[in-house]
Amino acid sequence: KPRDRKSFKDEELNLPGSAAVEFKNVSLRYESSKENTLTDINFTINPGESIGIIGGTGSGKTSLVSLIPGYYKATGGAVLVNGMDVTDMDPVELKNTCVTVMQKPVIFSGTVRENLVFGLSEAAEKEVTDDVLEYVLKVADAYDFVMAKDGGLDALCEQDGRNFSGGQKQRLGIARALLLNPEILILDDSASALDFATDARIRSNMKAMRADLTTITVSQRATGVMGMDRIFVMDNGRL
C-alpha cells in the first residue's frame, strides 16, 4: 500500500498526543469585507476522525477548511495542525500534511499517469510503481474506467479532462491526493458529481486503506456526510 513506501512522508511529523486539527477562537475577515466571514470557531479533530461539514451557500464552509492548509490566515485566534500553529509551520511540511481536493480538480493535457503523480517530488515519482497507481485508483473507484481506455495508465487526458465525465475527474482528483499520502485529507465538495453509492464506497475504501487518515468533507448535501464520526453545521460564519 502507498503508506508503506519509503518515499512517502515521515511518520515522525505526526506528533503523538496532538490533535490533528484544532481551531481556537478563530475568526476570518477578508480584506474586501467589512464583516467577518467566520466568527469564534472552536473545535478539535482527532487523528483518524472523519468529519463532515455542511451548511448553506455562503455559510463559511470553504473558508473554514481553507485555513487548515494555510491558504488564508486567520484574522483572530489560532489554527493548529498536529499541535503547531499553521503560521509557524514550514510551508512544505504543511503542504505535505494537508491535501485538498476541490470540486473541480485540475486535469491537464497528458497521460493519466502524469496527472496522478503531479505534486510528488522527483525522487518519489521515480519510485511509484504501476501497482501503487492502480491501488489508489481502486480506492478512488477509478480503476475500471481508466483501464477501459486505450493505454490504461498511459491513456491520454485532454486539456481540462474533457474526455472524462465530471464524476470521473473528481475520482482522479481523489486518487491523486491519496498518492500524496497526507495525514489530513480535505474533500471540498469533491464528490458533488458522484452518486451516493459511489461516494460511500470511496469513503469505505479510504478507511480500509488508512485507518489513521483524518478526513474533512465539505458537502452541499446531507447524504455526503452520512456515517461520519461527527458533522459540523455552518450557519452565517458560525459553527
Protein backbone atom coordinates (compact mmCIF):
# COMPACT_ATOMS: atom_id res chain seq x y z
CA LYS A 1 0.00 0.00 0.00
CA PRO A 2 1.19 3.59 -0.54
CA ARG A 3 1.57 4.11 3.22
CA ASP A 4 4.39 1.55 3.30
CA ARG A 5 6.54 3.22 0.66
CA LYS A 6 9.76 4.89 1.87
CA SER A 7 9.24 7.87 -0.43
CA PHE A 8 6.17 8.95 1.47
CA LYS A 9 6.05 11.32 4.40
CA ASP A 10 7.94 10.55 7.61
CA GLU A 11 5.62 9.35 10.35
CA GLU A 12 7.54 11.32 12.99
CA LEU A 13 5.95 14.57 11.84
CA ASN A 14 2.64 13.42 13.37
CA LEU A 15 3.33 14.39 16.96
CA PRO A 16 1.96 11.83 19.44
CA GLY A 17 -0.91 13.06 21.56
CA SER A 18 -1.61 16.10 19.38
CA ALA A 19 -4.96 16.86 17.80
CA ALA A 20 -4.89 16.58 14.03
CA VAL A 21 -6.63 19.95 13.72
CA GLU A 22 -7.65 22.49 16.34
CA PHE A 23 -9.38 25.85 15.97
CA LYS A 24 -9.10 28.22 18.93
CA ASN A 25 -11.48 31.21 18.82
CA VAL A 26 -10.85 31.58 15.09
CA SER A 27 -12.24 34.47 13.10
CA LEU A 28 -11.66 35.39 9.47
CA ARG A 29 -12.35 38.63 7.66
CA TYR A 30 -11.35 39.15 4.05
CA GLU A 31 -9.73 42.46 3.15
CA SER A 32 -12.57 43.31 0.81
CA SER A 33 -15.22 42.80 3.51
CA LYS A 34 -16.34 44.86 6.48
CA GLU A 35 -17.80 41.82 8.27
CA ASN A 36 -16.35 38.53 9.45
CA THR A 37 -16.72 35.51 7.21
CA LEU A 38 -16.00 33.28 10.22
CA THR A 39 -16.60 34.19 13.86
CA ASP A 40 -15.44 32.49 17.06
CA ILE A 41 -14.85 28.98 15.65
CA ASN A 42 -13.73 26.37 18.17
CA PHE A 43 -13.28 22.64 17.62
CA THR A 44 -10.79 19.79 17.89
CA ILE A 45 -10.41 16.97 15.37
CA ASN A 46 -8.55 13.86 16.50
CA PRO A 47 -6.24 11.84 14.24
CA GLY A 48 -8.20 9.33 12.17
CA GLU A 49 -11.56 11.05 12.61
CA SER A 50 -13.94 11.61 9.72
CA ILE A 51 -15.64 15.00 9.87
CA GLY A 52 -18.46 16.27 7.69
CA ILE A 53 -19.14 19.98 7.19
CA ILE A 54 -22.49 21.14 5.82
CA GLY A 55 -24.32 24.43 5.59
CA GLY A 56 -25.98 26.76 3.14
CA THR A 57 -24.25 28.68 0.37
CA GLY A 58 -22.08 31.40 1.88
CA SER A 59 -22.14 29.89 5.37
CA GLY A 60 -18.32 29.71 5.52
CA LYS A 61 -17.60 26.04 4.82
CA THR A 62 -14.85 26.52 2.24
CA SER A 63 -13.39 29.49 4.13
CA LEU A 64 -13.09 27.30 7.22
CA VAL A 65 -11.25 24.43 5.55
CA SER A 66 -9.04 26.86 3.59
CA LEU A 67 -7.47 27.97 6.87
CA ILE A 68 -6.16 24.47 7.64
CA PRO A 69 -3.58 24.21 4.81
CA GLY A 70 -2.80 27.91 5.20
CA TYR A 71 -4.48 29.22 2.04
CA TYR A 72 -5.66 32.11 4.20
CA LYS A 73 -4.52 33.36 7.60
CA ALA A 74 -6.99 33.73 10.45
CA THR A 75 -7.82 37.30 11.42
CA GLY A 76 -8.16 36.23 15.04
CA GLY A 77 -7.44 33.14 17.09
CA ALA A 78 -5.22 30.22 16.10
CA VAL A 79 -5.38 27.25 13.72
CA LEU A 80 -3.25 24.30 14.81
CA VAL A 81 -2.22 21.20 12.86
CA ASN A 82 -0.57 18.41 14.86
CA GLY A 83 -0.29 20.82 17.77
CA MET A 84 1.54 23.52 15.80
CA ASP A 85 0.20 26.89 14.72
CA VAL A 86 0.00 26.77 10.92
CA THR A 87 1.62 30.21 10.71
CA ASP A 88 4.73 28.74 12.36
CA MET A 89 4.92 25.61 10.22
CA ASP A 90 7.23 25.15 7.27
CA PRO A 91 5.05 25.65 4.17
CA VAL A 92 6.34 22.44 2.55
CA GLU A 93 5.61 20.42 5.70
CA LEU A 94 2.11 21.88 5.90
CA LYS A 95 1.52 21.17 2.20
CA ASN A 96 2.59 17.54 2.68
CA THR A 97 0.47 17.13 5.81
CA CYS A 98 -2.78 18.61 4.46
CA VAL A 99 -4.01 17.91 0.94
CA THR A 100 -7.20 19.39 -0.50
CA VAL A 101 -9.33 18.01 -3.34
CA MET A 102 -11.51 20.68 -4.89
CA GLN A 103 -14.90 20.29 -6.53
CA LYS A 104 -13.31 20.74 -9.95
CA PRO A 105 -9.85 19.13 -9.84
CA VAL A 106 -7.33 20.30 -12.41
CA ILE A 107 -6.79 17.71 -15.14
CA PHE A 108 -4.17 18.79 -17.64
CA SER A 109 -3.22 17.54 -21.09
CA GLY A 110 -1.04 14.45 -20.74
CA THR A 111 -1.46 10.87 -19.58
CA VAL A 112 -3.43 9.54 -16.62
CA ARG A 113 -0.11 8.55 -15.06
CA GLU A 114 1.28 12.08 -15.39
CA ASN A 115 -1.85 13.54 -13.83
CA LEU A 116 -1.73 11.14 -10.89
CA VAL A 117 1.92 11.74 -9.96
CA PHE A 118 1.58 15.51 -10.26
CA GLY A 119 2.71 17.03 -6.95
CA LEU A 120 5.12 14.27 -5.99
CA SER A 121 8.81 15.05 -5.64
CA GLU A 122 11.00 13.86 -8.49
CA ALA A 123 12.51 11.16 -6.27
CA ALA A 124 9.10 9.93 -5.08
CA GLU A 125 7.74 9.93 -8.61
CA LYS A 126 10.52 7.61 -9.78
CA GLU A 127 9.69 5.11 -7.04
CA VAL A 128 5.95 4.91 -7.69
CA THR A 129 5.11 1.63 -9.42
CA ASP A 130 2.12 0.72 -11.55
CA ASP A 131 0.86 -1.39 -8.63
CA VAL A 132 0.73 1.69 -6.40
CA LEU A 133 -1.04 3.76 -9.06
CA GLU A 134 -3.57 1.01 -9.66
CA TYR A 135 -4.12 0.69 -5.92
CA VAL A 136 -5.05 4.36 -5.39
CA LEU A 137 -7.26 4.21 -8.48
CA LYS A 138 -9.14 1.28 -6.95
CA VAL A 139 -9.55 3.12 -3.65
CA ALA A 140 -10.96 6.12 -5.53
CA ASP A 141 -13.24 3.83 -7.58
CA ALA A 142 -11.47 4.99 -10.74
CA TYR A 143 -9.65 1.81 -11.79
CA ASP A 144 -12.31 0.38 -14.10
CA PHE A 145 -12.91 3.46 -16.23
CA VAL A 146 -9.18 4.21 -16.51
CA MET A 147 -8.30 0.68 -17.56
CA ALA A 148 -11.16 0.67 -20.07
CA LYS A 149 -9.41 3.44 -22.00
CA ASP A 150 -6.80 2.67 -24.64
CA GLY A 151 -3.45 2.65 -22.84
CA GLY A 152 -4.77 2.36 -19.29
CA LEU A 153 -2.42 4.34 -17.06
CA ASP A 154 -0.87 5.83 -20.17
CA ALA A 155 -4.22 6.80 -21.70
CA LEU A 156 -4.30 10.40 -22.87
CA CYS A 157 -6.17 13.08 -20.95
CA GLU A 158 -7.45 16.02 -22.93
CA GLN A 159 -7.00 19.55 -21.58
CA ASP A 160 -9.31 20.09 -18.56
CA GLY A 161 -10.11 16.37 -18.72
CA ARG A 162 -12.68 16.87 -21.46
CA ASN A 163 -12.64 13.15 -22.28
CA PHE A 164 -13.76 12.31 -18.73
CA SER A 165 -17.08 12.96 -17.03
CA GLY A 166 -17.37 15.25 -14.02
CA GLY A 167 -17.55 12.31 -11.63
CA GLN A 168 -14.57 10.61 -13.26
CA LYS A 169 -12.47 13.77 -12.91
CA GLN A 170 -13.39 14.00 -9.24
CA ARG A 171 -12.32 10.41 -8.69
CA LEU A 172 -9.00 11.05 -10.45
CA GLY A 173 -8.50 14.06 -8.17
CA ILE A 174 -9.10 11.88 -5.10
CA ALA A 175 -6.68 9.22 -6.38
CA ARG A 176 -4.00 11.89 -6.93
CA ALA A 177 -4.49 13.18 -3.39
CA LEU A 178 -4.24 9.68 -1.90
CA LEU A 179 -0.98 9.11 -3.75
CA LEU A 180 0.47 12.13 -1.91
CA ASN A 181 -0.23 10.18 1.30
CA PRO A 182 -1.35 13.08 3.51
CA GLU A 183 -2.18 12.90 7.18
CA ILE A 184 -5.20 15.16 6.66
CA LEU A 185 -7.36 14.93 3.54
CA ILE A 186 -9.80 17.77 2.85
CA LEU A 187 -12.55 16.99 0.35
CA ASP A 188 -14.17 20.30 -0.57
CA ASP A 189 -17.40 19.21 -2.25
CA SER A 190 -15.23 16.87 -4.32
CA ALA A 191 -17.96 14.21 -4.57
CA SER A 192 -20.69 16.52 -5.85
CA ALA A 193 -20.86 14.72 -9.20
CA LEU A 194 -20.95 11.24 -7.64
CA ASP A 195 -24.00 9.23 -6.70
CA PHE A 196 -24.47 8.25 -3.06
CA ALA A 197 -23.37 4.62 -3.55
CA THR A 198 -20.09 5.58 -5.26
CA ASP A 199 -19.37 8.28 -2.67
CA ALA A 200 -19.98 5.84 0.19
CA ARG A 201 -17.83 3.17 -1.47
CA ILE A 202 -14.88 5.56 -1.82
CA ARG A 203 -15.14 6.64 1.81
CA SER A 204 -15.22 3.00 2.90
CA ASN A 205 -12.20 2.24 0.71
CA MET A 206 -10.24 5.15 2.18
CA LYS A 207 -10.99 3.99 5.71
CA ALA A 208 -9.78 0.48 4.85
CA MET A 209 -6.67 1.92 3.22
CA ARG A 210 -5.72 4.22 6.10
CA ALA A 211 -7.44 3.94 9.47
CA ASP A 212 -5.26 6.84 10.66
CA LEU A 213 -6.26 9.17 7.81
CA THR A 214 -8.09 12.26 9.07
CA THR A 215 -10.77 13.27 6.56
CA ILE A 216 -12.71 16.54 6.46
CA THR A 217 -15.53 16.52 3.93
CA VAL A 218 -17.41 19.64 2.83
CA SER A 219 -20.73 18.80 1.21
CA GLN A 220 -23.83 20.59 -0.01
CA ARG A 221 -25.95 17.54 0.74
CA ALA A 222 -26.63 15.66 3.96
CA THR A 223 -26.10 12.30 2.24
CA GLY A 224 -22.49 13.34 1.56
CA VAL A 225 -21.67 13.31 5.28
CA MET A 226 -23.78 10.38 6.48
CA GLY A 227 -21.88 7.84 8.55
CA MET A 228 -19.07 10.19 9.54
CA ASP A 229 -17.85 10.42 13.12
CA ARG A 230 -19.12 13.98 13.55
CA ILE A 231 -20.91 16.60 11.48
CA PHE A 232 -20.21 20.32 11.77
CA VAL A 233 -23.05 22.61 10.67
CA MET A 234 -22.08 26.09 9.50
CA ASP A 235 -24.54 28.96 9.57
CA ASN A 236 -23.63 32.56 8.74
CA GLY A 237 -19.97 32.04 9.60
CA ARG A 238 -20.60 30.30 12.90
CA LEU A 239 -20.29 26.67 13.88
